[in-house]
Amino acid sequence: MSALYVSTSAISKGSVIDCVKRCAQLTTNIELSGGCDYEDGLLAKLIEIRKRMGLNFLLHGYFPPPSNGHFIMNFAETSDKTRAFIKEAAAYIRALDIPYYSIHSGFQKTFGLKKEILIDSGQYGSFTTEDIEKSVSHFSLTYPSVRLALENLYPNPDRHCCFMIHIEEITEMLDRLPGIYLLLDLGHLKISSHLTGFDYAAAVECLIEKYGHRILELHLSENDGLTDKHWPIYKDSVQYSIVKQYARLIKERGINAVIETRNHDFEDVRECYRLMAGFFV
């Protein structure tokens, strides 16, 4: 059954628990995501607040916050550090009864980050689709009961920084790896369509109509087609029109949707949630 979630990254930075409490003022459906600080005993706190407040959690990508400092987590990298991070995420998934794990599809190089722009660090060299296959295989063997959803990315800053940018790359990955699922970020797809020259509406139609059974989740936030602004969804937003057009299929296929705005007032997030909630009742 599909449901509308709010990401902890949509509320504020700082304490995960504080973010969860703020999200819970809008909904009991909350996606745990990056942007918060490390805190001792976090899993026990989440287990307690989930039980006490009747919450439903999803877990996305860069979570839980690492204890030894932030880093850019790259799913295409098969290092012990990356796999240790995923192992900890899997422990949260099991303990919180989360139905799947969603994560960025990965980067083609080892990057640093400056103001949310990827900066080539010059380390290690490059990564390939075969590296993603190795990571998918390791995940499937290690956590056989957990479904894995890879998120489509966008040129940041260039065409060859990430995997699953172009619509053809997204469908090729899904065809190549039949055991994985898709987290379809409609904002990322909009940027990719603008910067790499494919038709946005046709790509959405292809993915939802042909691959809808492989989509576990949608990420919703608007942008200018150039950078990932994480603006709220408004009634005149293209993503509002997309969700409205495909609402029946989204619900029939049990696809969750997550509001992923950032750096906006709480009331803006509330209005965005109210606007989209009607499609998930």
C-alpha atoms as a PDB file:
ATOM      1  CA  MET A   1       0.000   0.000   0.000  1.00  0.00           C
ATOM      2  CA  SER A   2       1.446   3.355  -1.029  1.00  0.00           C
ATOM      3  CA  ALA A   3       1.790   6.234   1.431  1.00  0.00           C
ATOM      4  CA  LEU A   4       3.080   9.792   1.550  1.00  0.00           C
ATOM      5  CA  TYR A   5       6.156  10.362   3.732  1.00  0.00           C
ATOM      6  CA  VAL A   6       8.129  13.399   4.846  1.00  0.00           C
ATOM      7  CA  SER A   7      11.931  13.223   4.938  1.00  0.00           C
ATOM      8  CA  THR A   8      13.772  14.268   8.073  1.00  0.00           C
ATOM      9  CA  SER A   9      15.995  16.328   5.744  1.00  0.00           C
ATOM     10  CA  ALA A  10      12.932  18.455   4.910  1.00  0.00           C
ATOM     11  CA  ILE A  11      12.664  19.805   8.443  1.00  0.00           C
ATOM     12  CA  SER A  12      16.043  20.859   9.805  1.00  0.00           C
ATOM     13  CA  LYS A  13      19.551  19.774  10.699  1.00  0.00           C
ATOM     14  CA  GLY A  14      20.761  18.755  14.137  1.00  0.00           C
ATOM     15  CA  SER A  15      19.213  15.979  16.190  1.00  0.00           C
ATOM     16  CA  VAL A  16      17.543  13.097  14.353  1.00  0.00           C
ATOM     17  CA  ILE A  17      15.017  12.729  17.157  1.00  0.00           C
ATOM     18  CA  ASP A  18      14.138  16.425  17.043  1.00  0.00           C
ATOM     19  CA  CYS A  19      13.612  16.155  13.280  1.00  0.00           C
ATOM     20  CA  VAL A  20      11.422  13.082  13.735  1.00  0.00           C
ATOM     21  CA  LYS A  21       9.295  14.893  16.311  1.00  0.00           C
ATOM     22  CA  ARG A  22       8.812  17.816  13.926  1.00  0.00           C
ATOM     23  CA  CYS A  23       7.894  15.502  11.051  1.00  0.00           C
ATOM     24  CA  ALA A  24       5.424  13.725  13.338  1.00  0.00           C
ATOM     25  CA  GLN A  25       3.439  16.976  13.577  1.00  0.00           C
ATOM     26  CA  LEU A  26       2.570  16.367   9.906  1.00  0.00           C
ATOM     27  CA  THR A  27       2.428  12.593   9.530  1.00  0.00           C
ATOM     28  CA  THR A  28       3.302   9.259  11.106  1.00  0.00           C
ATOM     29  CA  ASN A  29       5.144   8.325   7.878  1.00  0.00           C
ATOM     30  CA  ILE A  30       8.755   9.536   8.084  1.00  0.00           C
ATOM     31  CA  GLU A  31      11.826   8.811   5.974  1.00  0.00           C
ATOM     32  CA  LEU A  32      15.113   8.839   7.890  1.00  0.00           C
ATOM     33  CA  SER A  33      17.732  10.540   5.743  1.00  0.00           C
ATOM     34  CA  GLY A  34      21.017  12.447   5.817  1.00  0.00           C
ATOM     35  CA  GLY A  35      21.810  15.871   7.202  1.00  0.00           C
ATOM     36  CA  CYS A  36      21.590  15.246  10.933  1.00  0.00           C
ATOM     37  CA  ASP A  37      24.276  14.897  13.595  1.00  0.00           C
ATOM     38  CA  TYR A  38      25.544  11.696  15.189  1.00  0.00           C
ATOM     39  CA  GLU A  39      24.011  10.902  18.570  1.00  0.00           C
ATOM     40  CA  ASP A  40      24.656   8.074  21.013  1.00  0.00           C
ATOM     41  CA  GLY A  41      21.984   5.431  21.410  1.00  0.00           C
ATOM     42  CA  LEU A  42      20.080   6.591  18.314  1.00  0.00           C
ATOM     43  CA  LEU A  43      18.627   3.220  17.341  1.00  0.00           C
ATOM     44  CA  ALA A  44      17.189   2.629  20.826  1.00  0.00           C
ATOM     45  CA  LYS A  45      15.689   6.138  20.769  1.00  0.00           C
ATOM     46  CA  LEU A  46      14.084   5.501  17.381  1.00  0.00           C
ATOM     47  CA  ILE A  47      12.670   2.153  18.521  1.00  0.00           C
ATOM     48  CA  GLU A  48      11.127   3.867  21.546  1.00  0.00           C
ATOM     49  CA  ILE A  49       9.663   6.850  19.705  1.00  0.00           C
ATOM     50  CA  ARG A  50       8.340   4.629  16.917  1.00  0.00           C
ATOM     51  CA  LYS A  51       6.441   2.502  19.424  1.00  0.00           C
ATOM     52  CA  ARG A  52       5.243   5.439  21.502  1.00  0.00           C
ATOM     53  CA  MET A  53       4.033   7.587  18.581  1.00  0.00           C
ATOM     54  CA  GLY A  54       2.963   4.829  16.152  1.00  0.00           C
ATOM     55  CA  LEU A  55       5.433   5.875  13.445  1.00  0.00           C
ATOM     56  CA  ASN A  56       6.296   4.193  10.158  1.00  0.00           C
ATOM     57  CA  PHE A  57       9.871   4.669   9.005  1.00  0.00           C
ATOM     58  CA  LEU A  58      11.705   4.399   5.713  1.00  0.00           C
ATOM     59  CA  LEU A  59      15.492   4.708   5.524  1.00  0.00           C
ATOM     60  CA  HIS A  60      17.339   6.417   2.703  1.00  0.00           C
ATOM     61  CA  GLY A  61      20.994   6.488   1.743  1.00  0.00           C
ATOM     62  CA  TYR A  62      23.227   8.369   4.111  1.00  0.00           C
ATOM     63  CA  PHE A  63      21.751   7.193   7.399  1.00  0.00           C
ATOM     64  CA  PRO A  64      22.450   6.723  10.271  1.00  0.00           C
ATOM     65  CA  PRO A  65      24.886   9.617  10.820  1.00  0.00           C
ATOM     66  CA  PRO A  66      28.381   8.117  11.195  1.00  0.00           C
ATOM     67  CA  SER A  67      30.187   8.396  14.515  1.00  0.00           C
ATOM     68  CA  ASN A  68      33.619   9.076  13.008  1.00  0.00           C
ATOM     69  CA  GLY A  69      32.853  12.053  10.772  1.00  0.00           C
ATOM     70  CA  HIS A  70      30.887  12.601   7.591  1.00  0.00           C
ATOM     71  CA  PHE A  71      31.993  11.233   4.226  1.00  0.00           C
ATOM     72  CA  ILE A  72      30.513  10.853   0.743  1.00  0.00           C
ATOM     73  CA  MET A  73      29.037   7.382   0.596  1.00  0.00           C
ATOM     74  CA  ASN A  74      29.431   5.835  -2.846  1.00  0.00           C
ATOM     75  CA  PHE A  75      27.500   2.621  -3.516  1.00  0.00           C
ATOM     76  CA  ALA A  76      29.807   1.845  -6.460  1.00  0.00           C
ATOM     77  CA  GLU A  77      32.767   1.705  -4.077  1.00  0.00           C
ATOM     78  CA  THR A  78      33.305  -1.753  -2.602  1.00  0.00           C
ATOM     79  CA  SER A  79      35.535  -0.644   0.276  1.00  0.00           C
ATOM     80  CA  ASP A  80      35.261  -1.955   3.836  1.00  0.00           C
ATOM     81  CA  LYS A  81      34.186   1.522   4.984  1.00  0.00           C
ATOM     82  CA  THR A  82      31.240   1.622   2.575  1.00  0.00           C
ATOM     83  CA  ARG A  83      30.144  -1.900   3.434  1.00  0.00           C
ATOM     84  CA  ALA A  84      30.445  -1.223   7.167  1.00  0.00           C
ATOM     85  CA  PHE A  85      28.195   1.808   6.749  1.00  0.00           C
ATOM     86  CA  ILE A  86      25.601  -0.247   4.847  1.00  0.00           C
ATOM     87  CA  LYS A  87      25.815  -2.968   7.514  1.00  0.00           C
ATOM     88  CA  GLU A  88      24.849  -0.444  10.172  1.00  0.00           C
ATOM     89  CA  ALA A  89      21.992   0.863   8.004  1.00  0.00           C
ATOM     90  CA  ALA A  90      20.753  -2.713   7.598  1.00  0.00           C
ATOM     91  CA  ALA A  91      20.663  -3.098  11.391  1.00  0.00           C
ATOM     92  CA  TYR A  92      18.327  -0.099  11.577  1.00  0.00           C
ATOM     93  CA  ILE A  93      16.183  -1.531   8.787  1.00  0.00           C
ATOM     94  CA  ARG A  94      15.715  -4.803  10.656  1.00  0.00           C
ATOM     95  CA  ALA A  95      15.101  -3.223  14.056  1.00  0.00           C
ATOM     96  CA  LEU A  96      12.602  -0.663  12.758  1.00  0.00           C
ATOM     97  CA  ASP A  97      10.723  -3.055  10.416  1.00  0.00           C
ATOM     98  CA  ILE A  98      11.600  -0.989   7.338  1.00  0.00           C
ATOM     99  CA  PRO A  99      10.527  -2.754   4.122  1.00  0.00           C
ATOM    100  CA  TYR A 100      13.465  -1.801   1.862  1.00  0.00           C
ATOM    101  CA  TYR A 101      16.699   0.170   1.591  1.00  0.00           C
ATOM    102  CA  SER A 102      17.006   3.059  -0.870  1.00  0.00           C
ATOM    103  CA  ILE A 103      20.340   4.591  -1.806  1.00  0.00           C
ATOM    104  CA  HIS A 104      21.984   6.772  -4.465  1.00  0.00           C
ATOM    105  CA  SER A 105      23.046   4.660  -7.422  1.00  0.00           C
ATOM    106  CA  GLY A 106      26.671   5.761  -7.070  1.00  0.00           C
ATOM    107  CA  PHE A 107      29.394   8.011  -8.427  1.00  0.00           C
ATOM    108  CA  GLN A 108      31.895   7.381 -11.206  1.00  0.00           C
ATOM    109  CA  LYS A 109      34.793   8.950  -9.269  1.00  0.00           C
ATOM    110  CA  THR A 110      35.805   9.601  -5.678  1.00  0.00           C
ATOM    111  CA  PHE A 111      34.431  13.048  -4.909  1.00  0.00           C
ATOM    112  CA  GLY A 112      34.548  15.700  -2.244  1.00  0.00           C
ATOM    113  CA  LEU A 113      31.623  18.012  -1.593  1.00  0.00           C
ATOM    114  CA  LYS A 114      31.472  21.808  -1.575  1.00  0.00           C
ATOM    115  CA  LYS A 115      28.095  23.558  -1.181  1.00  0.00           C
ATOM    116  CA  GLU A 116      26.371  20.368  -2.451  1.00  0.00           C
ATOM    117  CA  ILE A 117      28.512  20.340  -5.619  1.00  0.00           C
ATOM    118  CA  LEU A 118      30.712  17.289  -6.213  1.00  0.00           C
ATOM    119  CA  ILE A 119      34.421  18.106  -6.450  1.00  0.00           C
ATOM    120  CA  ASP A 120      36.783  15.555  -8.009  1.00  0.00           C
ATOM    121  CA  SER A 121      39.182  14.547  -5.231  1.00  0.00           C
ATOM    122  CA  GLY A 122      41.686  12.951  -7.611  1.00  0.00           C
ATOM    123  CA  GLN A 123      41.818   9.810  -5.475  1.00  0.00           C
ATOM    124  CA  TYR A 124      41.482   6.127  -6.390  1.00  0.00           C
ATOM    125  CA  GLY A 125      40.439   6.499 -10.044  1.00  0.00           C
ATOM    126  CA  SER A 126      37.068   5.649 -11.510  1.00  0.00           C
ATOM    127  CA  PHE A 127      34.180   3.252 -10.876  1.00  0.00           C
ATOM    128  CA  THR A 128      32.114   1.272 -13.356  1.00  0.00           C
ATOM    129  CA  THR A 129      28.749  -0.417 -13.634  1.00  0.00           C
ATOM    130  CA  GLU A 130      30.533  -3.653 -12.786  1.00  0.00           C
ATOM    131  CA  ASP A 131      31.374  -2.158  -9.384  1.00  0.00           C
ATOM    132  CA  ILE A 132      27.671  -1.481  -8.806  1.00  0.00           C
ATOM    133  CA  GLU A 133      26.947  -5.084  -9.786  1.00  0.00           C
ATOM    134  CA  LYS A 134      29.453  -6.261  -7.182  1.00  0.00           C
ATOM    135  CA  SER A 135      27.795  -4.086  -4.528  1.00  0.00           C
ATOM    136  CA  VAL A 136      24.324  -5.303  -5.498  1.00  0.00           C
ATOM    137  CA  SER A 137      25.500  -8.934  -5.353  1.00  0.00           C
ATOM    138  CA  HIS A 138      27.118  -8.409  -1.956  1.00  0.00           C
ATOM    139  CA  PHE A 139      23.982  -6.697  -0.624  1.00  0.00           C
ATOM    140  CA  SER A 140      21.678  -9.428  -1.921  1.00  0.00           C
ATOM    141  CA  LEU A 141      23.788 -12.210  -0.428  1.00  0.00           C
ATOM    142  CA  THR A 142      24.324 -10.449   2.904  1.00  0.00           C
ATOM    143  CA  TYR A 143      20.785  -9.082   3.388  1.00  0.00           C
ATOM    144  CA  PRO A 144      18.567 -11.429   1.327  1.00  0.00           C
ATOM    145  CA  SER A 145      15.311 -10.301   2.954  1.00  0.00           C
ATOM    146  CA  VAL A 146      15.842  -6.580   2.227  1.00  0.00           C
ATOM    147  CA  ARG A 147      14.817  -5.115  -1.123  1.00  0.00           C
ATOM    148  CA  LEU A 148      17.280  -2.622  -2.607  1.00  0.00           C
ATOM    149  CA  ALA A 149      16.195   0.507  -4.512  1.00  0.00           C
ATOM    150  CA  LEU A 150      18.769   2.573  -6.420  1.00  0.00           C
ATOM    151  CA  GLU A 151      18.041   6.273  -6.940  1.00  0.00           C
ATOM    152  CA  ASN A 152      18.525   8.010 -10.286  1.00  0.00           C
ATOM    153  CA  LEU A 153      20.986  10.906 -10.147  1.00  0.00           C
ATOM    154  CA  TYR A 154      21.775  14.003 -12.261  1.00  0.00           C
ATOM    155  CA  PRO A 155      24.777  15.892 -13.697  1.00  0.00           C
ATOM    156  CA  ASN A 156      26.516  17.423 -10.668  1.00  0.00           C
ATOM    157  CA  PRO A 157      28.620  19.081 -11.955  1.00  0.00           C
ATOM    158  CA  ASP A 158      29.130  17.142 -15.198  1.00  0.00           C
ATOM    159  CA  ARG A 159      27.570  14.481 -17.364  1.00  0.00           C
ATOM    160  CA  HIS A 160      29.944  11.722 -16.240  1.00  0.00           C
ATOM    161  CA  CYS A 161      29.932  12.163 -12.464  1.00  0.00           C
ATOM    162  CA  CYS A 162      27.153   9.728 -11.516  1.00  0.00           C
ATOM    163  CA  PHE A 163      25.342   6.597 -12.617  1.00  0.00           C
ATOM    164  CA  MET A 164      21.695   6.427 -13.752  1.00  0.00           C
ATOM    165  CA  ILE A 165      21.508  10.004 -15.069  1.00  0.00           C
ATOM    166  CA  HIS A 166      20.004   9.597 -18.555  1.00  0.00           C
ATOM    167  CA  ILE A 167      16.706   7.766 -19.021  1.00  0.00           C
ATOM    168  CA  GLU A 168      18.515   5.152 -21.127  1.00  0.00           C
ATOM    169  CA  GLU A 169      21.016   4.566 -18.310  1.00  0.00           C
ATOM    170  CA  ILE A 170      18.167   4.120 -15.804  1.00  0.00           C
ATOM    171  CA  THR A 171      16.316   1.559 -17.918  1.00  0.00           C
ATOM    172  CA  GLU A 172      19.568  -0.223 -18.848  1.00  0.00           C
ATOM    173  CA  MET A 173      20.442  -0.609 -15.157  1.00  0.00           C
ATOM    174  CA  LEU A 174      16.989  -1.979 -14.361  1.00  0.00           C
ATOM    175  CA  ASP A 175      17.204  -4.414 -17.273  1.00  0.00           C
ATOM    176  CA  ARG A 176      20.758  -5.430 -16.374  1.00  0.00           C
ATOM    177  CA  LEU A 177      20.011  -5.993 -12.674  1.00  0.00           C
ATOM    178  CA  PRO A 178      16.543  -7.581 -12.436  1.00  0.00           C
ATOM    179  CA  GLY A 179      16.833  -8.000  -8.661  1.00  0.00           C
ATOM    180  CA  ILE A 180      16.986  -4.285  -7.878  1.00  0.00           C
ATOM    181  CA  TYR A 181      14.268  -1.658  -7.632  1.00  0.00           C
ATOM    182  CA  LEU A 182      14.138   2.054  -8.423  1.00  0.00           C
ATOM    183  CA  LEU A 183      13.797   5.110  -6.256  1.00  0.00           C
ATOM    184  CA  LEU A 184      12.557   7.583  -8.879  1.00  0.00           C
ATOM    185  CA  ASP A 185      13.589  11.110  -7.942  1.00  0.00           C
ATOM    186  CA  LEU A 186      11.408  13.307 -10.147  1.00  0.00           C
ATOM    187  CA  GLY A 187      13.525  16.380  -9.403  1.00  0.00           C
ATOM    188  CA  HIS A 188      16.738  14.643 -10.448  1.00  0.00           C
ATOM    189  CA  LEU A 189      15.049  13.362 -13.613  1.00  0.00           C
ATOM    190  CA  LYS A 190      13.936  16.909 -14.487  1.00  0.00           C
ATOM    191  CA  ILE A 191      17.521  18.233 -14.255  1.00  0.00           C
ATOM    192  CA  SER A 192      18.890  15.302 -16.237  1.00  0.00           C
ATOM    193  CA  SER A 193      16.308  15.763 -18.988  1.00  0.00           C
ATOM    194  CA  HIS A 194      17.165  19.451 -19.285  1.00  0.00           C
ATOM    195  CA  LEU A 195      20.946  19.030 -19.275  1.00  0.00           C
ATOM    196  CA  THR A 196      21.256  15.833 -21.331  1.00  0.00           C
ATOM    197  CA  GLY A 197      18.422  16.416 -23.788  1.00  0.00           C
ATOM    198  CA  PHE A 198      15.703  13.825 -23.298  1.00  0.00           C
ATOM    199  CA  ASP A 199      11.963  14.367 -22.973  1.00  0.00           C
ATOM    200  CA  TYR A 200      10.959  14.589 -19.309  1.00  0.00           C
ATOM    201  CA  ALA A 201       7.291  13.676 -19.732  1.00  0.00           C
ATOM    202  CA  ALA A 202       8.125  10.734 -22.000  1.00  0.00           C
ATOM    203  CA  ALA A 203      10.730   9.468 -19.523  1.00  0.00           C
ATOM    204  CA  VAL A 204       8.254   9.629 -16.629  1.00  0.00           C
ATOM    205  CA  GLU A 205       5.664   7.795 -18.736  1.00  0.00           C
ATOM    206  CA  CYS A 206       8.188   5.088 -19.669  1.00  0.00           C
ATOM    207  CA  LEU A 207       9.292   4.499 -16.094  1.00  0.00           C
ATOM    208  CA  ILE A 208       5.849   4.484 -14.488  1.00  0.00           C
ATOM    209  CA  GLU A 209       4.041   2.625 -17.273  1.00  0.00           C
ATOM    210  CA  LYS A 210       6.741   0.057 -18.158  1.00  0.00           C
ATOM    211  CA  TYR A 211       8.780  -0.190 -14.960  1.00  0.00           C
ATOM    212  CA  GLY A 212       6.181   0.784 -12.359  1.00  0.00           C
ATOM    213  CA  HIS A 213       6.380  -2.672 -10.765  1.00  0.00           C
ATOM    214  CA  ARG A 214      10.065  -1.957 -10.093  1.00  0.00           C
ATOM    215  CA  ILE A 215       9.531   1.468  -8.475  1.00  0.00           C
ATOM    216  CA  LEU A 216       9.347   1.407  -4.682  1.00  0.00           C
ATOM    217  CA  GLU A 217       9.493   5.132  -4.034  1.00  0.00           C
ATOM    218  CA  LEU A 218       9.246   8.640  -5.502  1.00  0.00           C
ATOM    219  CA  HIS A 219      11.174  11.639  -4.220  1.00  0.00           C
ATOM    220  CA  LEU A 220       9.298  14.912  -4.623  1.00  0.00           C
ATOM    221  CA  SER A 221      10.915  18.362  -4.689  1.00  0.00           C
ATOM    222  CA  GLU A 222      10.896  21.057  -7.353  1.00  0.00           C
ATOM    223  CA  ASN A 223      13.828  22.818  -9.029  1.00  0.00           C
ATOM    224  CA  ASP A 224      14.724  25.095 -11.928  1.00  0.00           C
ATOM    225  CA  GLY A 225      15.915  22.278 -14.198  1.00  0.00           C
ATOM    226  CA  LEU A 226      19.555  23.192 -13.564  1.00  0.00           C
ATOM    227  CA  THR A 227      20.364  22.422  -9.917  1.00  0.00           C
ATOM    228  CA  ASP A 228      18.745  20.359  -7.177  1.00  0.00           C
ATOM    229  CA  LYS A 229      17.009  23.241  -5.354  1.00  0.00           C
ATOM    230  CA  HIS A 230      14.696  21.049  -3.219  1.00  0.00           C
ATOM    231  CA  TRP A 231      11.837  23.535  -3.464  1.00  0.00           C
ATOM    232  CA  PRO A 232       8.362  22.573  -2.201  1.00  0.00           C
ATOM    233  CA  ILE A 233       5.741  21.237  -4.599  1.00  0.00           C
ATOM    234  CA  TYR A 234       3.023  23.740  -5.504  1.00  0.00           C
ATOM    235  CA  LYS A 235      -0.178  23.260  -7.460  1.00  0.00           C
ATOM    236  CA  ASP A 236       1.436  24.667 -10.600  1.00  0.00           C
ATOM    237  CA  SER A 237       4.516  22.418 -10.244  1.00  0.00           C
ATOM    238  CA  VAL A 238       5.126  19.851 -12.945  1.00  0.00           C
ATOM    239  CA  GLN A 239       5.562  17.171 -10.288  1.00  0.00           C
ATOM    240  CA  TYR A 240       2.102  17.911  -8.897  1.00  0.00           C
ATOM    241  CA  SER A 241       0.727  17.274 -12.397  1.00  0.00           C
ATOM    242  CA  ILE A 242       2.741  14.045 -12.698  1.00  0.00           C
ATOM    243  CA  VAL A 243       1.520  12.621  -9.394  1.00  0.00           C
ATOM    244  CA  LYS A 244      -2.044  13.650 -10.235  1.00  0.00           C
ATOM    245  CA  GLN A 245      -1.836  12.006 -13.660  1.00  0.00           C
ATOM    246  CA  TYR A 246      -0.410   8.725 -12.349  1.00  0.00           C
ATOM    247  CA  ALA A 247      -2.076   8.623  -8.906  1.00  0.00           C
ATOM    248  CA  ARG A 248      -4.059   5.486  -9.725  1.00  0.00           C
ATOM    249  CA  LEU A 249      -1.007   3.545 -10.912  1.00  0.00           C
ATOM    250  CA  ILE A 250       1.099   4.814  -8.004  1.00  0.00           C
ATOM    251  CA  LYS A 251      -1.439   3.482  -5.518  1.00  0.00           C
ATOM    252  CA  GLU A 252      -2.106   0.239  -7.395  1.00  0.00           C
ATOM    253  CA  ARG A 253       1.601  -0.563  -7.452  1.00  0.00           C
ATOM    254  CA  GLY A 254       2.167   0.420  -3.827  1.00  0.00           C
ATOM    255  CA  ILE A 255       4.709   3.132  -4.619  1.00  0.00           C
ATOM    256  CA  ASN A 256       5.590   5.382  -1.679  1.00  0.00           C
ATOM    257  CA  ALA A 257       6.270   9.096  -2.154  1.00  0.00           C
ATOM    258  CA  VAL A 258       8.536  11.272  -0.006  1.00  0.00           C
ATOM    259  CA  ILE A 259       8.509  15.052   0.297  1.00  0.00           C
ATOM    260  CA  GLU A 260      12.165  16.013   0.201  1.00  0.00           C
ATOM    261  CA  THR A 261      12.196  19.813   0.400  1.00  0.00           C
ATOM    262  CA  ARG A 262      15.100  21.515   2.201  1.00  0.00           C
ATOM    263  CA  ASN A 263      15.830  24.834   3.862  1.00  0.00           C
ATOM    264  CA  HIS A 264      12.217  25.961   3.933  1.00  0.00           C
ATOM    265  CA  ASP A 265       9.960  27.066   6.752  1.00  0.00           C
ATOM    266  CA  PHE A 266       7.961  24.397   8.523  1.00  0.00           C
ATOM    267  CA  GLU A 267       4.727  25.927   7.232  1.00  0.00           C
ATOM    268  CA  ASP A 268       5.965  25.550   3.647  1.00  0.00           C
ATOM    269  CA  VAL A 269       6.577  21.853   4.276  1.00  0.00           C
ATOM    270  CA  ARG A 270       3.143  21.563   5.911  1.00  0.00           C
ATOM    271  CA  GLU A 271       1.406  23.131   2.905  1.00  0.00           C
ATOM    272  CA  CYS A 272       3.339  20.898   0.521  1.00  0.00           C
ATOM    273  CA  TYR A 273       2.306  17.841   2.519  1.00  0.00           C
ATOM    274  CA  ARG A 274      -1.349  18.922   2.581  1.00  0.00           C
ATOM    275  CA  LEU A 275      -1.304  19.512  -1.171  1.00  0.00           C
ATOM    276  CA  MET A 276       0.044  16.040  -1.990  1.00  0.00           C
ATOM    277  CA  ALA A 277      -1.697  14.024   0.749  1.00  0.00           C
ATOM    278  CA  GLY A 278      -4.981  13.811  -1.140  1.00  0.00           C
ATOM    279  CA  PHE A 279      -3.421  11.545  -3.764  1.00  0.00           C
ATOM    280  CA  PHE A 280      -2.549   8.909  -1.124  1.00  0.00           C
ATOM    281  CA  VAL A 281      -5.854   8.374   0.686  1.00  0.00           C
END
